[in-house]
Amino acid sequence: MHPSEIFNSHDFPPIDQSVFEQPPPVDQSPGSRPSSRKRQPPRQPSTTVPAAEPTPAFKALCGWIGRLLARIVGECASGADQYDRVVEWFAKWFHSMGIAVRFQRRQPNKYVDVPHYTGFCTRISDNVRSAFFLYEDIGLEFVNKMRGPKYRQTYKPGMPCINDLDAARLAAFIEAFLASSNEMFTFDRFVGALSNAQ
């Protein structure tokens, strides 16, 4: 079973997309002066866009990114690579594709039999979602750094996002890359191969 097939849109925790601001209470006691503060019109609550079903191309891309990350993060955990440069590159890469990734710690379940992190992926342009997972023992430091302010990215509606055709091509590229070699320094080799392919 492909890793991305074990998740569906109902697995995603709800995303709070707006914070509602209540107007200050008005003092109705006798003799009180009216406030000199200008009244703001009440904010209209934004509606939450429902999660769209993942396309096969986007599911495949998320699954292969998960496998790539597992190999790279495993090398970081063994001391063969540095988390900071890996986290910085992946944060920018996800942003360049218009994919927001949110990690949630999960207990063992019928799909993954050890504690792990689920990386919930959302394509900003159409709210298509899929996911991948990283084992907690190798993924903890990577996830903590990705959550930190240093590597946080800002996503805006209408930003450029990877389309299904490019997602399918990139998934096939990652699959071929991972099958081509089991040598160490996966991150450097992948970045080099990706640069040469573009």
N, C-alpha and C. Protein backbone atom coordinates (compact mmCIF):
# COMPACT_ATOMS: atom_id res chain seq x y z
N MET A 1 0.84 -1.19 0.00
CA MET A 1 0.00 0.00 0.00
C MET A 1 0.89 1.25 0.00
N HIS A 2 0.56 2.20 -0.85
CA HIS A 2 1.31 3.44 -0.93
C HIS A 2 1.05 4.26 0.33
N PRO A 3 2.10 4.88 0.93
CA PRO A 3 1.90 5.61 2.19
C PRO A 3 0.79 6.64 2.13
N SER A 4 0.64 7.30 0.96
CA SER A 4 -0.37 8.36 0.88
C SER A 4 -1.79 7.81 0.83
N GLU A 5 -1.94 6.50 0.58
CA GLU A 5 -3.28 5.94 0.48
C GLU A 5 -3.90 5.70 1.85
N ILE A 6 -3.12 5.75 2.91
CA ILE A 6 -3.69 5.47 4.23
C ILE A 6 -4.36 6.69 4.84
N PHE A 7 -4.28 7.82 4.17
CA PHE A 7 -4.90 9.03 4.68
C PHE A 7 -6.01 9.46 3.73
N ASN A 8 -7.06 10.03 4.25
CA ASN A 8 -8.04 10.69 3.41
C ASN A 8 -8.36 12.03 4.04
N SER A 9 -9.19 12.80 3.37
CA SER A 9 -9.42 14.18 3.82
C SER A 9 -10.06 14.24 5.21
N HIS A 10 -10.70 13.16 5.66
CA HIS A 10 -11.33 13.17 6.98
C HIS A 10 -10.31 13.02 8.10
N ASP A 11 -9.06 12.62 7.76
CA ASP A 11 -8.02 12.49 8.77
C ASP A 11 -7.46 13.83 9.20
N PHE A 12 -7.75 14.88 8.44
CA PHE A 12 -7.13 16.16 8.70
C PHE A 12 -7.85 16.89 9.82
N PRO A 13 -7.11 17.34 10.83
CA PRO A 13 -7.76 18.13 11.87
C PRO A 13 -8.24 19.45 11.29
N PRO A 14 -9.32 20.02 11.81
CA PRO A 14 -9.83 21.27 11.25
C PRO A 14 -8.82 22.40 11.44
N ILE A 15 -8.80 23.29 10.47
CA ILE A 15 -7.88 24.43 10.51
C ILE A 15 -8.68 25.67 10.86
N ASP A 16 -8.29 26.34 11.92
CA ASP A 16 -8.95 27.59 12.29
C ASP A 16 -8.37 28.68 11.42
N GLN A 17 -9.17 29.20 10.46
CA GLN A 17 -8.64 30.15 9.50
C GLN A 17 -8.93 31.60 9.87
N SER A 18 -9.66 31.83 10.92
CA SER A 18 -9.90 33.22 11.30
C SER A 18 -10.11 33.32 12.81
N VAL A 19 -9.76 34.47 13.31
CA VAL A 19 -10.00 34.75 14.73
C VAL A 19 -11.02 35.88 14.76
N PHE A 20 -12.10 35.65 15.44
CA PHE A 20 -13.16 36.64 15.45
C PHE A 20 -12.94 37.62 16.59
N GLU A 21 -13.07 38.89 16.27
CA GLU A 21 -12.85 39.94 17.26
C GLU A 21 -14.19 40.50 17.69
N GLN A 22 -14.47 40.46 18.98
CA GLN A 22 -15.72 40.99 19.50
C GLN A 22 -15.56 42.49 19.76
N PRO A 23 -16.59 43.30 19.42
CA PRO A 23 -16.50 44.73 19.73
C PRO A 23 -16.50 44.95 21.24
N PRO A 24 -15.86 46.02 21.71
CA PRO A 24 -15.82 46.27 23.15
C PRO A 24 -17.23 46.51 23.69
N PRO A 25 -17.49 46.12 24.95
CA PRO A 25 -18.83 46.34 25.52
C PRO A 25 -19.11 47.83 25.66
N VAL A 26 -20.37 48.22 25.46
CA VAL A 26 -20.77 49.62 25.56
C VAL A 26 -21.31 49.86 26.97
N ASP A 27 -20.80 50.93 27.60
CA ASP A 27 -21.25 51.27 28.95
C ASP A 27 -22.61 51.95 28.85
N GLN A 28 -23.65 51.34 29.40
CA GLN A 28 -25.01 51.87 29.32
C GLN A 28 -25.44 52.56 30.61
N SER A 29 -24.52 52.76 31.56
CA SER A 29 -24.92 53.37 32.83
C SER A 29 -25.24 54.85 32.63
N PRO A 30 -26.21 55.39 33.46
CA PRO A 30 -26.60 56.80 33.30
C PRO A 30 -25.40 57.73 33.54
N GLY A 31 -25.31 58.77 32.75
CA GLY A 31 -24.26 59.76 32.91
C GLY A 31 -22.94 59.38 32.27
N SER A 32 -22.89 58.25 31.62
CA SER A 32 -21.62 57.88 30.99
C SER A 32 -21.45 58.62 29.68
N ARG A 33 -20.21 58.99 29.41
CA ARG A 33 -19.92 59.69 28.16
C ARG A 33 -19.80 58.69 27.02
N PRO A 34 -20.28 59.06 25.84
CA PRO A 34 -20.08 58.16 24.70
C PRO A 34 -18.59 58.07 24.36
N SER A 35 -18.19 56.97 23.91
CA SER A 35 -16.78 56.75 23.57
C SER A 35 -16.40 57.60 22.37
N SER A 36 -15.18 58.18 22.43
CA SER A 36 -14.69 58.95 21.29
C SER A 36 -14.04 58.04 20.25
N ARG A 37 -13.92 56.78 20.58
CA ARG A 37 -13.30 55.83 19.65
C ARG A 37 -14.26 55.52 18.51
N LYS A 38 -13.72 55.56 17.29
CA LYS A 38 -14.56 55.26 16.13
C LYS A 38 -14.94 53.78 16.15
N ARG A 39 -16.16 53.55 15.80
CA ARG A 39 -16.63 52.17 15.77
C ARG A 39 -16.25 51.54 14.44
N GLN A 40 -15.71 50.34 14.55
CA GLN A 40 -15.37 49.57 13.35
C GLN A 40 -16.57 48.70 12.99
N PRO A 41 -16.82 48.55 11.69
CA PRO A 41 -17.90 47.62 11.33
C PRO A 41 -17.49 46.20 11.74
N PRO A 42 -18.45 45.39 12.15
CA PRO A 42 -18.09 44.03 12.58
C PRO A 42 -17.46 43.24 11.43
N ARG A 43 -16.48 42.45 11.79
CA ARG A 43 -15.81 41.62 10.77
C ARG A 43 -16.74 40.50 10.32
N GLN A 44 -16.68 40.25 9.04
CA GLN A 44 -17.44 39.12 8.52
C GLN A 44 -16.61 37.86 8.72
N PRO A 45 -17.15 36.85 9.36
CA PRO A 45 -16.37 35.62 9.55
C PRO A 45 -16.07 34.97 8.20
N SER A 46 -14.81 34.57 8.02
CA SER A 46 -14.45 33.90 6.78
C SER A 46 -14.86 32.44 6.88
N THR A 47 -15.32 31.93 5.77
CA THR A 47 -15.76 30.54 5.78
C THR A 47 -14.56 29.63 5.55
N THR A 48 -14.59 28.49 6.19
CA THR A 48 -13.52 27.51 6.03
C THR A 48 -13.75 26.75 4.73
N VAL A 49 -12.72 26.73 3.90
CA VAL A 49 -12.82 26.01 2.63
C VAL A 49 -12.70 24.52 2.93
N PRO A 50 -13.66 23.72 2.48
CA PRO A 50 -13.57 22.29 2.78
C PRO A 50 -12.39 21.65 2.05
N ALA A 51 -11.85 20.62 2.64
CA ALA A 51 -10.73 19.91 2.02
C ALA A 51 -11.21 19.23 0.75
N ALA A 52 -10.43 19.39 -0.31
CA ALA A 52 -10.75 18.73 -1.57
C ALA A 52 -10.11 17.35 -1.59
N GLU A 53 -10.72 16.44 -2.31
CA GLU A 53 -10.16 15.09 -2.43
C GLU A 53 -8.81 15.16 -3.14
N PRO A 54 -7.82 14.44 -2.66
CA PRO A 54 -6.51 14.49 -3.31
C PRO A 54 -6.54 13.83 -4.68
N THR A 55 -5.87 14.44 -5.62
CA THR A 55 -5.74 13.85 -6.94
C THR A 55 -4.68 12.76 -6.87
N PRO A 56 -4.71 11.80 -7.78
CA PRO A 56 -3.67 10.75 -7.77
C PRO A 56 -2.25 11.33 -7.85
N ALA A 57 -2.08 12.38 -8.64
CA ALA A 57 -0.74 12.98 -8.79
C ALA A 57 -0.27 13.60 -7.48
N PHE A 58 -1.16 14.32 -6.79
CA PHE A 58 -0.78 14.97 -5.54
C PHE A 58 -0.53 13.93 -4.45
N LYS A 59 -1.35 12.88 -4.41
CA LYS A 59 -1.13 11.79 -3.44
C LYS A 59 0.23 11.14 -3.66
N ALA A 60 0.54 10.88 -4.94
CA ALA A 60 1.82 10.25 -5.25
C ALA A 60 2.98 11.15 -4.84
N LEU A 61 2.87 12.45 -5.14
CA LEU A 61 3.94 13.38 -4.79
C LEU A 61 4.16 13.39 -3.28
N CYS A 62 3.10 13.49 -2.50
CA CYS A 62 3.25 13.52 -1.04
C CYS A 62 3.86 12.23 -0.52
N GLY A 63 3.43 11.10 -1.07
CA GLY A 63 3.99 9.82 -0.65
C GLY A 63 5.47 9.72 -0.93
N TRP A 64 5.90 10.15 -2.12
CA TRP A 64 7.32 10.05 -2.46
C TRP A 64 8.16 11.08 -1.70
N ILE A 65 7.59 12.25 -1.43
CA ILE A 65 8.30 13.22 -0.59
C ILE A 65 8.52 12.62 0.80
N GLY A 66 7.52 11.92 1.32
CA GLY A 66 7.66 11.27 2.62
C GLY A 66 8.79 10.25 2.63
N ARG A 67 8.90 9.46 1.58
CA ARG A 67 9.97 8.46 1.50
C ARG A 67 11.34 9.13 1.38
N LEU A 68 11.39 10.20 0.57
CA LEU A 68 12.65 10.95 0.43
C LEU A 68 13.06 11.55 1.77
N LEU A 69 12.11 12.19 2.45
CA LEU A 69 12.40 12.80 3.75
C LEU A 69 12.83 11.76 4.77
N ALA A 70 12.21 10.59 4.76
CA ALA A 70 12.57 9.55 5.71
C ALA A 70 14.04 9.16 5.56
N ARG A 71 14.49 9.06 4.32
CA ARG A 71 15.89 8.68 4.10
C ARG A 71 16.82 9.82 4.53
N ILE A 72 16.48 11.04 4.16
CA ILE A 72 17.34 12.19 4.48
C ILE A 72 17.37 12.44 5.99
N VAL A 73 16.20 12.42 6.63
CA VAL A 73 16.13 12.69 8.07
C VAL A 73 16.80 11.56 8.85
N GLY A 74 16.73 10.35 8.34
CA GLY A 74 17.45 9.24 8.96
C GLY A 74 18.95 9.48 8.98
N GLU A 75 19.47 10.05 7.89
CA GLU A 75 20.90 10.38 7.84
C GLU A 75 21.23 11.51 8.81
N CYS A 76 20.31 12.48 8.94
CA CYS A 76 20.53 13.55 9.93
C CYS A 76 20.56 12.97 11.34
N ALA A 77 19.65 12.06 11.63
CA ALA A 77 19.58 11.47 12.97
C ALA A 77 20.84 10.67 13.30
N SER A 78 21.47 10.10 12.27
CA SER A 78 22.69 9.32 12.50
C SER A 78 23.94 10.19 12.58
N GLY A 79 23.78 11.49 12.31
CA GLY A 79 24.91 12.42 12.37
C GLY A 79 25.61 12.61 11.04
N ALA A 80 25.10 11.98 9.98
CA ALA A 80 25.74 12.09 8.66
C ALA A 80 25.39 13.40 7.96
N ASP A 81 24.36 14.09 8.41
CA ASP A 81 23.98 15.36 7.80
C ASP A 81 23.46 16.29 8.89
N GLN A 82 23.27 17.58 8.54
CA GLN A 82 22.86 18.60 9.51
C GLN A 82 21.39 18.96 9.29
N TYR A 83 20.64 18.96 10.39
CA TYR A 83 19.21 19.25 10.29
C TYR A 83 18.94 20.65 9.74
N ASP A 84 19.70 21.65 10.20
CA ASP A 84 19.36 23.03 9.86
C ASP A 84 19.31 23.28 8.36
N ARG A 85 20.32 22.83 7.64
CA ARG A 85 20.32 23.10 6.19
C ARG A 85 19.23 22.30 5.48
N VAL A 86 18.94 21.10 5.98
CA VAL A 86 17.88 20.28 5.40
C VAL A 86 16.51 20.94 5.63
N VAL A 87 16.27 21.37 6.86
CA VAL A 87 14.99 22.01 7.20
C VAL A 87 14.81 23.29 6.40
N GLU A 88 15.85 24.10 6.33
CA GLU A 88 15.75 25.37 5.58
C GLU A 88 15.39 25.11 4.13
N TRP A 89 16.05 24.15 3.50
CA TRP A 89 15.80 23.87 2.08
C TRP A 89 14.38 23.34 1.88
N PHE A 90 13.95 22.39 2.71
CA PHE A 90 12.62 21.82 2.53
C PHE A 90 11.52 22.85 2.81
N ALA A 91 11.72 23.72 3.79
CA ALA A 91 10.72 24.77 4.06
C ALA A 91 10.54 25.66 2.84
N LYS A 92 11.65 26.04 2.21
CA LYS A 92 11.57 26.90 1.02
C LYS A 92 11.01 26.13 -0.18
N TRP A 93 11.37 24.85 -0.28
CA TRP A 93 10.90 24.04 -1.41
C TRP A 93 9.39 23.84 -1.34
N PHE A 94 8.88 23.50 -0.15
CA PHE A 94 7.43 23.36 -0.01
C PHE A 94 6.74 24.68 -0.36
N HIS A 95 7.29 25.79 0.12
CA HIS A 95 6.70 27.09 -0.15
C HIS A 95 6.71 27.39 -1.64
N SER A 96 7.80 27.06 -2.33
CA SER A 96 7.89 27.34 -3.77
C SER A 96 6.86 26.55 -4.57
N MET A 97 6.42 25.42 -4.03
CA MET A 97 5.39 24.61 -4.71
C MET A 97 3.98 24.98 -4.25
N GLY A 98 3.88 25.90 -3.29
CA GLY A 98 2.56 26.27 -2.77
C GLY A 98 1.93 25.18 -1.93
N ILE A 99 2.78 24.41 -1.24
CA ILE A 99 2.30 23.32 -0.39
C ILE A 99 2.60 23.66 1.07
N ALA A 100 1.55 23.79 1.86
CA ALA A 100 1.72 24.00 3.30
C ALA A 100 1.74 22.64 3.98
N VAL A 101 2.71 22.44 4.88
CA VAL A 101 2.83 21.16 5.59
C VAL A 101 2.71 21.42 7.09
N ARG A 102 1.82 20.68 7.73
CA ARG A 102 1.60 20.77 9.16
C ARG A 102 1.82 19.40 9.77
N PHE A 103 2.63 19.31 10.81
CA PHE A 103 2.95 18.02 11.41
C PHE A 103 2.12 17.80 12.67
N GLN A 104 1.67 16.57 12.84
CA GLN A 104 0.95 16.20 14.06
C GLN A 104 1.48 14.86 14.55
N ARG A 105 1.76 14.81 15.87
CA ARG A 105 2.28 13.57 16.45
C ARG A 105 1.15 12.57 16.57
N ARG A 106 1.44 11.33 16.19
CA ARG A 106 0.44 10.27 16.24
C ARG A 106 0.97 9.06 16.99
N GLN A 107 0.07 8.38 17.67
CA GLN A 107 0.40 7.12 18.34
C GLN A 107 0.35 5.98 17.32
N PRO A 108 0.92 4.83 17.65
CA PRO A 108 0.83 3.69 16.72
C PRO A 108 -0.63 3.40 16.37
N ASN A 109 -0.86 3.02 15.12
CA ASN A 109 -2.21 2.67 14.68
C ASN A 109 -2.13 1.50 13.72
N LYS A 110 -3.22 1.18 13.07
CA LYS A 110 -3.22 -0.02 12.22
C LYS A 110 -2.38 0.15 10.96
N TYR A 111 -2.00 1.39 10.63
CA TYR A 111 -1.19 1.63 9.44
C TYR A 111 0.30 1.77 9.75
N VAL A 112 0.60 2.45 10.86
CA VAL A 112 1.99 2.69 11.26
C VAL A 112 2.12 2.20 12.70
N ASP A 113 2.95 1.19 12.92
CA ASP A 113 2.94 0.51 14.22
C ASP A 113 3.87 1.10 15.28
N VAL A 114 4.39 2.29 15.04
CA VAL A 114 5.23 2.97 16.03
C VAL A 114 4.80 4.44 16.11
N PRO A 115 5.18 5.16 17.18
CA PRO A 115 4.88 6.59 17.23
C PRO A 115 5.49 7.30 16.02
N HIS A 116 4.74 8.24 15.46
CA HIS A 116 5.19 8.89 14.23
C HIS A 116 4.56 10.27 14.12
N TYR A 117 5.04 11.02 13.15
CA TYR A 117 4.46 12.32 12.81
C TYR A 117 3.79 12.20 11.45
N THR A 118 2.57 12.69 11.36
CA THR A 118 1.90 12.78 10.08
C THR A 118 2.12 14.19 9.54
N GLY A 119 2.63 14.28 8.33
CA GLY A 119 2.79 15.57 7.66
C GLY A 119 1.58 15.82 6.78
N PHE A 120 0.67 16.67 7.23
CA PHE A 120 -0.52 16.98 6.46
C PHE A 120 -0.18 18.05 5.42
N CYS A 121 -0.34 17.73 4.15
CA CYS A 121 0.04 18.61 3.05
C CYS A 121 -1.21 19.22 2.43
N THR A 122 -1.20 20.53 2.23
CA THR A 122 -2.32 21.22 1.61
C THR A 122 -1.80 22.07 0.46
N ARG A 123 -2.36 21.85 -0.74
CA ARG A 123 -2.02 22.72 -1.87
C ARG A 123 -2.89 23.96 -1.76
N ILE A 124 -2.26 25.11 -1.62
CA ILE A 124 -2.96 26.35 -1.29
C ILE A 124 -3.99 26.75 -2.34
N SER A 125 -3.70 26.52 -3.61
CA SER A 125 -4.57 27.02 -4.68
C SER A 125 -5.97 26.41 -4.66
N ASP A 126 -6.09 25.14 -4.29
CA ASP A 126 -7.40 24.49 -4.37
C ASP A 126 -7.74 23.67 -3.12
N ASN A 127 -6.92 23.77 -2.08
CA ASN A 127 -7.16 23.07 -0.81
C ASN A 127 -7.16 21.55 -0.95
N VAL A 128 -6.48 21.05 -1.99
CA VAL A 128 -6.31 19.60 -2.12
C VAL A 128 -5.33 19.16 -1.05
N ARG A 129 -5.65 18.03 -0.38
CA ARG A 129 -4.83 17.59 0.74
C ARG A 129 -4.43 16.13 0.60
N SER A 130 -3.25 15.85 1.10
CA SER A 130 -2.78 14.47 1.24
C SER A 130 -1.81 14.47 2.42
N ALA A 131 -1.05 13.40 2.59
CA ALA A 131 -0.19 13.32 3.77
C ALA A 131 0.92 12.30 3.57
N PHE A 132 1.91 12.39 4.45
CA PHE A 132 2.96 11.38 4.55
C PHE A 132 3.29 11.23 6.02
N PHE A 133 4.15 10.28 6.36
CA PHE A 133 4.53 10.15 7.77
C PHE A 133 6.03 9.98 7.92
N LEU A 134 6.52 10.38 9.10
CA LEU A 134 7.91 10.19 9.50
C LEU A 134 7.91 9.51 10.86
N TYR A 135 8.75 8.51 11.02
CA TYR A 135 8.87 7.88 12.33
C TYR A 135 9.37 8.90 13.35
N GLU A 136 8.80 8.86 14.56
CA GLU A 136 9.14 9.85 15.58
C GLU A 136 10.62 9.79 15.97
N ASP A 137 11.20 8.59 16.03
CA ASP A 137 12.58 8.49 16.52
C ASP A 137 13.57 9.22 15.62
N ILE A 138 13.29 9.31 14.33
CA ILE A 138 14.19 10.06 13.44
C ILE A 138 13.63 11.43 13.08
N GLY A 139 12.32 11.62 13.23
CA GLY A 139 11.70 12.85 12.75
C GLY A 139 11.52 13.95 13.76
N LEU A 140 11.75 13.66 15.05
CA LEU A 140 11.45 14.63 16.11
C LEU A 140 12.15 15.97 15.90
N GLU A 141 13.46 15.95 15.71
CA GLU A 141 14.20 17.21 15.59
C GLU A 141 13.82 17.95 14.30
N PHE A 142 13.65 17.22 13.21
CA PHE A 142 13.23 17.84 11.95
C PHE A 142 11.90 18.55 12.12
N VAL A 143 10.93 17.87 12.72
CA VAL A 143 9.59 18.45 12.91
C VAL A 143 9.66 19.67 13.82
N ASN A 144 10.40 19.58 14.93
CA ASN A 144 10.50 20.72 15.84
C ASN A 144 11.10 21.94 15.16
N LYS A 145 12.10 21.73 14.32
CA LYS A 145 12.70 22.86 13.61
C LYS A 145 11.75 23.42 12.55
N MET A 146 11.02 22.54 11.86
CA MET A 146 10.06 23.01 10.85
C MET A 146 8.97 23.87 11.49
N ARG A 147 8.63 23.56 12.74
CA ARG A 147 7.59 24.32 13.44
C ARG A 147 8.09 25.66 13.97
N GLY A 148 9.39 25.83 14.06
CA GLY A 148 9.96 27.03 14.67
C GLY A 148 9.80 28.27 13.80
N PRO A 149 9.89 29.46 14.42
CA PRO A 149 9.70 30.71 13.68
C PRO A 149 10.76 30.96 12.62
N LYS A 150 11.95 30.41 12.81
CA LYS A 150 13.04 30.64 11.85
C LYS A 150 12.70 30.13 10.46
N TYR A 151 11.95 29.04 10.39
CA TYR A 151 11.67 28.43 9.09
C TYR A 151 10.20 28.52 8.68
N ARG A 152 9.42 29.29 9.43
CA ARG A 152 8.00 29.41 9.10
C ARG A 152 7.83 30.23 7.82
N GLN A 153 6.97 29.76 6.95
CA GLN A 153 6.70 30.43 5.68
C GLN A 153 5.29 31.01 5.69
N THR A 154 5.09 32.07 4.90
CA THR A 154 3.78 32.69 4.79
C THR A 154 3.13 32.26 3.49
N TYR A 155 1.92 31.75 3.59
CA TYR A 155 1.19 31.30 2.41
C TYR A 155 0.01 32.23 2.19
N LYS A 156 -0.20 32.65 0.94
CA LYS A 156 -1.28 33.57 0.63
C LYS A 156 -2.16 32.97 -0.46
N PRO A 157 -3.47 33.24 -0.39
CA PRO A 157 -4.35 32.77 -1.47
C PRO A 157 -3.88 33.34 -2.80
N GLY A 158 -3.94 32.55 -3.84
CA GLY A 158 -3.55 33.02 -5.17
C GLY A 158 -2.08 32.86 -5.48
N MET A 159 -1.29 32.37 -4.53
CA MET A 159 0.14 32.19 -4.80
C MET A 159 0.32 31.03 -5.79
N PRO A 160 1.42 31.04 -6.56
CA PRO A 160 1.65 29.95 -7.51
C PRO A 160 1.78 28.61 -6.80
N CYS A 161 1.16 27.59 -7.36
CA CYS A 161 1.19 26.25 -6.77
C CYS A 161 1.50 25.22 -7.85
N ILE A 162 2.06 24.12 -7.44
CA ILE A 162 2.37 23.04 -8.38
C ILE A 162 1.06 22.44 -8.90
N ASN A 163 1.00 22.22 -10.22
CA ASN A 163 -0.21 21.62 -10.79
C ASN A 163 -0.07 20.10 -10.83
N ASP A 164 -1.13 19.43 -11.22
CA ASP A 164 -1.11 17.96 -11.20
C ASP A 164 -0.10 17.37 -12.18
N LEU A 165 0.05 17.99 -13.33
CA LEU A 165 1.01 17.48 -14.31
C LEU A 165 2.43 17.53 -13.75
N ASP A 166 2.80 18.68 -13.19
CA ASP A 166 4.13 18.81 -12.60
C ASP A 166 4.29 17.94 -11.35
N ALA A 167 3.21 17.79 -10.59
CA ALA A 167 3.26 16.93 -9.40
C ALA A 167 3.54 15.48 -9.80
N ALA A 168 2.90 15.02 -10.87
CA ALA A 168 3.13 13.65 -11.34
C ALA A 168 4.57 13.47 -11.82
N ARG A 169 5.08 14.47 -12.54
CA ARG A 169 6.47 14.41 -13.02
C ARG A 169 7.45 14.39 -11.86
N LEU A 170 7.21 15.24 -10.87
CA LEU A 170 8.12 15.31 -9.73
C LEU A 170 8.06 14.02 -8.91
N ALA A 171 6.87 13.45 -8.75
CA ALA A 171 6.75 12.18 -8.03
C ALA A 171 7.55 11.09 -8.74
N ALA A 172 7.45 11.04 -10.07
CA ALA A 172 8.20 10.04 -10.84
C ALA A 172 9.70 10.28 -10.72
N PHE A 173 10.09 11.55 -10.69
CA PHE A 173 11.51 11.90 -10.56
C PHE A 173 12.05 11.42 -9.20
N ILE A 174 11.31 11.69 -8.13
CA ILE A 174 11.75 11.28 -6.79
C ILE A 174 11.81 9.75 -6.70
N GLU A 175 10.81 9.08 -7.27
CA GLU A 175 10.80 7.61 -7.25
C GLU A 175 12.04 7.06 -7.94
N ALA A 176 12.35 7.61 -9.13
CA ALA A 176 13.52 7.13 -9.88
C ALA A 176 14.81 7.45 -9.13
N PHE A 177 14.86 8.63 -8.51
CA PHE A 177 16.06 9.01 -7.75
C PHE A 177 16.30 8.04 -6.60
N LEU A 178 15.27 7.74 -5.83
CA LEU A 178 15.43 6.86 -4.68
C LEU A 178 15.79 5.43 -5.10
N ALA A 179 15.28 5.01 -6.26
CA ALA A 179 15.57 3.65 -6.74
C ALA A 179 16.98 3.54 -7.32
N SER A 180 17.56 4.68 -7.68
CA SER A 180 18.85 4.65 -8.39
C SER A 180 20.04 4.36 -7.49
N SER A 181 19.93 4.67 -6.20
CA SER A 181 21.09 4.50 -5.33
C SER A 181 20.68 4.49 -3.86
N ASN A 182 21.42 3.74 -3.06
CA ASN A 182 21.25 3.74 -1.61
C ASN A 182 22.45 4.37 -0.92
N GLU A 183 23.24 5.13 -1.67
CA GLU A 183 24.42 5.76 -1.10
C GLU A 183 24.01 6.80 -0.07
N MET A 184 24.98 7.15 0.78
CA MET A 184 24.75 8.19 1.78
C MET A 184 24.73 9.56 1.11
N PHE A 185 24.53 10.59 1.90
CA PHE A 185 24.46 11.98 1.44
C PHE A 185 23.32 12.17 0.44
N THR A 186 22.17 11.61 0.81
CA THR A 186 20.99 11.66 -0.05
C THR A 186 20.57 13.09 -0.34
N PHE A 187 20.63 13.95 0.67
CA PHE A 187 20.19 15.33 0.48
C PHE A 187 21.01 16.03 -0.59
N ASP A 188 22.33 15.97 -0.49
CA ASP A 188 23.19 16.62 -1.48
C ASP A 188 22.96 16.03 -2.87
N ARG A 189 22.84 14.72 -2.94
CA ARG A 189 22.63 14.09 -4.24
C ARG A 189 21.29 14.48 -4.84
N PHE A 190 20.25 14.57 -4.00
CA PHE A 190 18.94 14.94 -4.50
C PHE A 190 18.91 16.38 -5.00
N VAL A 191 19.45 17.29 -4.20
CA VAL A 191 19.46 18.70 -4.61
C VAL A 191 20.23 18.87 -5.92
N GLY A 192 21.35 18.16 -6.05
CA GLY A 192 22.12 18.23 -7.29
C GLY A 192 21.36 17.66 -8.46
N ALA A 193 20.71 16.52 -8.27
CA ALA A 193 19.95 15.90 -9.36
C ALA A 193 18.76 16.77 -9.76
N LEU A 194 18.10 17.38 -8.78
CA LEU A 194 16.95 18.24 -9.07
C LEU A 194 17.39 19.49 -9.83
N SER A 195 18.53 20.07 -9.44
CA SER A 195 19.05 21.25 -10.14
C SER A 195 19.38 20.92 -11.59
N ASN A 196 19.96 19.75 -11.82
CA ASN A 196 20.32 19.35 -13.18
C ASN A 196 19.10 19.07 -14.04
N ALA A 197 18.01 18.64 -13.40
CA ALA A 197 16.80 18.28 -14.15
C ALA A 197 15.97 19.49 -14.53
N GLN A 198 16.19 20.62 -13.86
CA GLN A 198 15.35 21.81 -14.13
C GLN A 198 15.90 22.64 -15.25
